[in-house]
Protein backbone atom coordinates (compact mmCIF):
# COMPACT_ATOMS: atom_id res chain seq x y z
CA MET A 1 103.26 93.16 85.14
CA ALA A 2 105.98 95.12 83.29
CA GLY A 3 107.77 94.49 80.02
CA PRO A 4 111.31 95.69 79.22
CA ALA A 5 112.67 98.62 81.51
CA SER A 6 112.68 100.84 78.51
CA ASN A 7 109.08 100.19 77.72
CA TYR A 8 106.69 99.32 80.90
CA ASP A 9 103.48 97.72 79.98
CA CYS A 10 101.28 97.00 82.94
CA ARG A 11 98.30 94.57 82.54
CA ILE A 12 95.56 93.82 84.86
CA ALA A 13 94.26 90.43 85.29
CA LYS A 14 90.27 89.79 85.91
CA VAL A 15 88.86 88.63 89.08
CA ASP A 16 85.77 86.64 89.85
CA LYS A 17 82.70 88.32 91.73
CA THR A 18 84.54 87.46 95.01
CA GLY A 19 87.41 89.19 94.26
CA ARG A 20 89.66 85.96 93.61
CA ILE A 21 92.03 86.37 90.70
CA ASP A 22 91.24 84.47 87.50
CA LEU A 23 94.21 82.27 86.96
CA SER A 24 93.39 81.69 83.15
CA ASP A 25 93.15 85.31 82.47
CA LEU A 26 96.25 85.94 84.43
CA ALA A 27 97.97 83.29 82.22
CA SER A 28 96.85 85.15 79.17
CA LYS A 29 98.34 88.40 80.32
CA ILE A 30 101.90 86.94 80.67
CA ASP A 31 104.00 87.09 77.41
CA ASP A 32 107.45 86.44 76.70
CA GLN A 33 108.40 89.97 77.70
CA THR A 34 106.65 89.82 81.18
CA LEU A 35 109.21 90.35 84.22
CA LEU A 36 107.14 90.80 87.22
CA VAL A 37 103.83 89.66 88.36
CA CYS A 38 102.30 91.41 91.53
CA VAL A 39 99.37 89.94 93.50
CA MET A 40 98.22 91.15 97.02
CA GLN A 41 98.00 88.12 99.33
CA ALA A 42 94.63 89.65 100.99
CA ASN A 43 92.74 92.53 99.63
CA ASN A 44 92.59 95.60 101.58
CA GLU A 45 88.84 96.58 100.85
CA ILE A 46 86.90 93.26 100.77
CA GLY A 47 89.28 91.00 102.66
CA THR A 48 89.45 88.45 99.92
CA ILE A 49 92.62 86.09 100.02
CA GLN A 50 94.51 85.13 97.00
CA PRO A 51 95.76 81.92 95.87
CA ILE A 52 99.39 82.99 96.06
CA LYS A 53 100.75 79.38 96.01
CA ASP A 54 98.51 78.72 92.94
CA VAL A 55 99.84 81.84 91.10
CA SER A 56 103.50 80.63 92.00
CA GLU A 57 103.24 77.29 90.34
CA LEU A 58 101.48 78.93 87.26
CA ILE A 59 104.44 81.21 87.00
CA ALA A 60 106.80 78.24 87.45
CA LYS A 61 105.17 76.49 84.64
CA ILE A 62 105.27 79.33 82.33
CA SER A 63 109.00 80.06 83.38
CA LYS A 64 109.78 76.41 82.50
CA GLN A 65 108.09 76.68 79.22
CA ARG A 66 110.17 79.88 78.31
CA LEU A 67 113.42 78.21 79.22
CA LYS A 68 112.45 75.40 76.89
CA ASN A 69 111.82 77.88 74.03
CA GLY A 70 115.06 79.67 74.75
CA ASN A 71 113.83 82.63 76.64
CA HIS A 72 115.91 83.25 79.63
CA ARG A 73 114.15 86.42 80.67
CA PRO A 74 113.26 86.20 84.48
CA LEU A 75 109.53 86.02 85.60
CA LEU A 76 109.24 87.04 89.11
CA LEU A 77 106.22 87.05 91.60
CA HIS A 78 105.91 89.78 94.15
CA SER A 79 103.09 89.60 96.98
CA ASP A 80 101.82 92.68 98.83
CA SER A 81 101.25 91.15 102.15
CA SER A 82 100.43 94.14 104.20
CA GLN A 83 96.85 93.12 105.13
CA ALA A 84 97.87 89.62 105.47
CA SER A 85 100.65 89.99 108.13
CA ASN A 86 98.31 89.63 111.15
CA TYR A 87 96.46 86.57 110.05
CA LEU A 88 98.19 84.59 106.97
CA ASP A 89 101.24 82.41 106.89
CA LEU A 90 104.26 84.57 105.45
CA HIS A 91 106.65 81.79 104.84
CA VAL A 92 108.07 82.73 101.67
CA ALA A 93 109.22 79.32 100.51
CA ARG A 94 105.78 77.76 101.06
CA LEU A 95 104.06 80.59 99.30
CA GLY A 96 106.68 80.48 96.40
CA VAL A 97 107.21 84.24 96.14
CA ASP A 98 110.37 85.93 94.77
CA LEU A 99 109.72 89.29 96.59
CA LEU A 100 107.15 90.12 99.53
CA THR A 101 106.27 93.56 101.19
CA ILE A 102 104.81 94.17 104.64
CA ASN A 103 103.80 97.25 106.33
CA GLY A 104 104.54 98.03 110.01
CA GLY A 105 101.26 100.18 110.45
CA LYS A 106 99.03 97.36 109.67
CA ILE A 107 100.58 95.07 112.34
CA TYR A 108 100.53 97.58 115.32
CA GLY A 109 104.28 98.48 114.58
CA PRO A 110 105.65 101.93 113.97
CA LYS A 111 103.87 103.77 111.13
CA GLN A 112 105.83 104.51 107.86
CA SER A 113 107.87 101.36 108.59
CA GLY A 114 107.93 98.38 106.16
CA ALA A 115 110.17 95.68 104.77
CA LEU A 116 110.85 94.12 101.57
CA TYR A 117 111.82 90.33 101.35
CA VAL A 118 114.03 89.68 98.30
CA LYS A 119 114.83 86.20 97.34
CA GLY A 120 118.57 85.12 97.11
CA GLY A 121 119.95 85.57 93.78
CA ILE A 122 117.65 88.42 92.59
CA LYS A 123 119.40 91.81 92.15
CA LEU A 124 117.45 94.98 92.30
CA THR A 125 118.46 98.50 91.18
CA PRO A 126 118.46 101.20 93.69
CA THR A 127 116.34 104.48 93.18
CA ILE A 128 118.04 106.39 96.05
CA LEU A 129 121.80 106.53 95.40
CA GLY A 130 124.72 108.02 97.48
CA GLY A 131 125.23 105.63 100.27
CA SER A 132 125.69 101.92 101.20
CA GLN A 133 122.82 101.64 103.51
CA GLU A 134 120.36 98.97 103.19
CA GLN A 135 122.77 96.59 101.40
CA GLY A 136 123.21 99.43 98.78
CA LEU A 137 119.49 99.53 97.70
CA ARG A 138 118.35 102.44 99.63
CA SER A 139 120.68 105.31 100.88
CA GLY A 140 120.08 107.25 104.00
CA THR A 141 120.56 106.66 107.73
CA PRO A 142 118.34 103.68 108.80
CA ASN A 143 115.53 104.44 111.35
CA VAL A 144 116.80 101.88 113.81
CA PRO A 145 113.75 102.39 116.50
CA ALA A 146 111.33 101.70 113.63
CA VAL A 147 113.31 98.72 112.31
CA VAL A 148 113.31 97.11 115.84
CA GLY A 149 109.66 97.98 116.23
CA LEU A 150 108.78 96.49 112.94
CA ALA A 151 110.50 93.14 113.71
CA THR A 152 109.06 92.90 117.18
CA ALA A 153 105.49 93.69 115.81
CA LEU A 154 105.90 91.18 113.16
CA ASP A 155 107.06 88.70 115.61
CA ILE A 156 104.13 89.15 117.82
CA ALA A 157 101.54 89.05 114.91
CA GLN A 158 102.94 85.83 113.68
CA ASN A 159 103.05 84.10 117.08
CA LYS A 160 99.50 85.13 117.92
CA ARG A 161 97.94 84.75 114.49
CA HIS A 162 96.23 81.45 115.13
CA GLN A 163 94.69 82.44 118.42
CA GLU A 164 93.61 85.86 116.91
CA VAL A 165 92.16 84.27 113.58
CA THR A 166 89.99 81.98 115.64
CA ARG A 167 88.71 84.87 117.97
CA LEU A 168 88.04 87.27 115.07
CA LYS A 169 86.39 84.59 112.98
CA LYS A 170 83.70 84.18 115.64
CA LEU A 171 83.24 87.96 115.66
CA GLN A 172 83.05 88.19 112.05
CA GLN A 173 80.25 85.49 111.96
CA LEU A 174 78.55 87.41 114.81
CA PHE A 175 78.80 90.66 112.59
CA ILE A 176 77.73 89.07 109.45
CA ASP A 177 74.87 87.04 110.99
CA GLY A 178 73.51 89.99 112.89
CA LEU A 179 73.69 92.33 109.85
CA THR A 180 71.92 89.98 107.52
CA GLN A 181 69.26 89.38 110.22
CA ALA A 182 68.80 93.38 110.78
CA ILE A 183 69.03 94.44 107.30
CA PRO A 184 67.75 91.56 105.11
CA ASP A 185 68.67 93.08 101.79
CA ILE A 186 72.24 93.71 102.75
CA GLN A 187 75.02 92.31 100.50
CA ILE A 188 78.25 90.86 101.82
CA ASN A 189 81.16 91.55 99.46
CA GLY A 190 84.07 89.32 98.71
CA SER A 191 84.51 85.77 99.53
CA LEU A 192 82.74 84.29 102.63
CA LYS A 193 85.39 81.35 102.59
CA THR A 194 88.75 82.76 101.63
CA ARG A 195 88.56 86.00 103.53
CA LEU A 196 90.47 87.85 106.18
CA PRO A 197 88.86 87.28 109.68
CA ASN A 198 88.92 90.94 110.53
CA ASN A 199 87.25 92.06 107.31
CA ILE A 200 83.22 92.85 106.91
CA HIS A 201 82.58 94.80 103.52
CA VAL A 202 78.76 95.37 102.69
CA THR A 203 76.52 96.89 100.38
CA ILE A 204 73.07 98.38 101.76
CA PRO A 205 70.97 99.27 98.89
CA GLY A 206 69.42 102.92 99.28
CA ILE A 207 72.02 104.54 101.59
CA ASP A 208 74.46 106.99 100.83
CA ASN A 209 77.78 105.56 102.49
CA GLU A 210 79.24 109.38 103.18
CA THR A 211 76.20 110.23 105.17
CA VAL A 212 76.13 106.93 107.00
CA LEU A 213 79.77 107.14 108.01
CA ILE A 214 79.32 110.62 109.32
CA GLN A 215 76.49 109.16 111.54
CA LEU A 216 78.58 106.30 112.51
CA ASP A 217 81.42 108.53 113.49
CA GLU A 218 79.19 110.67 115.59
CA ALA A 219 78.20 107.40 117.31
CA GLY A 220 81.94 106.50 117.95
CA ILE A 221 81.95 103.84 115.32
CA MET A 222 85.05 104.00 112.89
CA ALA A 223 84.31 102.67 109.31
CA SER A 224 85.10 103.53 105.70
CA ALA A 225 83.93 103.79 102.23
CA GLY A 226 87.19 102.45 100.62
CA SER A 227 90.94 101.81 101.37
CA ALA A 228 93.22 104.42 103.09
CA CYS A 229 95.49 104.34 100.14
CA SER A 230 92.72 106.03 98.05
CA ALA A 231 91.03 108.25 100.61
CA SER A 232 91.49 111.32 98.66
CA ASN A 233 90.54 109.84 95.34
CA GLN A 234 86.86 110.67 94.27
CA GLU A 235 86.62 108.11 91.68
CA PRO A 236 84.58 104.87 92.56
CA SER A 237 86.75 102.11 93.90
CA LYS A 238 88.53 99.91 91.41
CA VAL A 239 88.25 96.95 93.65
CA LEU A 240 84.39 97.13 93.72
CA LYS A 241 84.08 97.78 90.16
CA ALA A 242 86.35 94.93 89.28
CA ILE A 243 83.80 92.34 91.29
CA GLY A 244 80.96 93.67 89.31
CA LEU A 245 79.47 96.57 91.42
CA ASN A 246 77.84 99.37 89.64
CA LYS A 247 78.43 103.20 90.79
CA LYS A 248 75.13 103.17 92.87
CA ALA A 249 75.93 100.02 94.68
CA ILE A 250 79.55 101.42 95.23
CA GLN A 251 78.12 104.47 96.96
CA SER A 252 76.17 102.22 99.04
CA SER A 253 79.08 100.13 100.31
CA ILE A 254 80.83 100.32 103.69
CA ARG A 255 83.87 98.68 104.89
CA PHE A 256 84.14 97.43 108.42
CA THR A 257 87.48 96.02 110.09
CA MET A 258 88.16 94.74 113.49
CA GLY A 259 91.35 94.42 115.61
CA ARG A 260 92.86 93.09 118.77
CA GLN A 261 90.56 95.54 121.07
CA THR A 262 87.24 94.72 119.42
CA THR A 263 84.80 92.82 121.49
CA ASP A 264 81.32 91.19 120.93
CA LEU A 265 79.87 94.08 122.67
CA GLU A 266 81.11 96.62 120.29
CA VAL A 267 80.19 94.33 117.08
CA LYS A 268 76.56 94.20 118.71
CA LYS A 269 76.46 97.73 119.17
CA THR A 270 77.51 98.45 115.77
CA ILE A 271 74.77 96.15 114.35
CA GLN A 272 72.18 98.06 116.32
CA ILE A 273 73.34 101.55 115.33
CA LEU A 274 73.69 100.50 111.65
CA SER A 275 70.38 98.99 111.40
CA SER A 276 68.75 101.97 113.09
CA LEU A 277 70.43 104.38 110.73
CA VAL A 278 69.36 102.23 107.65
CA LYS A 279 65.91 102.13 109.02
CA SER A 280 65.41 105.80 109.98
């Protein structure tokens, strides 16, 4: 969230132990100067899905009260839906968002492509000046192949999302059941109910995640200790700290994600190899 353009003030709302945003705390962070609220539709590390519609209703209520008090400052909601595009509804009217971003690389589209939805009536100030491209918001020759590729990838992802969600949920449950049986003290991070179907994030007490990741890589299994956005950052994950994990637990945490090519045999193989590494 930000205050006046000349004096930006960013505030972070609390989340519960599953990573879901605390709406009461969010409301307390919004004051008469707040212009923008940004919420990820789904988290890129632990897969937790946020209640965007509830957030939009809260913002509408606060905006209505502002007008009653004579405050005409806009209060906008932006959703980062990069991780959600394959699996969740992106209908902006149903979500109640003013701005929404997607990432082509997350939906099997061209890397370094993306899109920003801007609700009618909202005027943005360009940061790259000189030409009239992108409706005057971003100067430079548009990358037409990337634009077409992104649109095609998004169309495919949204048309197949129900089918893919059903398939991945079965694999996710297979993964979670297999891990909890093979490694009894394992902890599943994030929400088990409101979660992306392709995400499994775990803490395995006693392991060093960097060592295990190297061993998994040697076995042909790709996993990570955090998000790609913070791959070069040596600091503990802010997401995992926010849900209450201490430094030791964070260093024992691993993220697995599945995709269109993932099979049940690969899931079973991963469970077998991971459990053998933990026990060795």
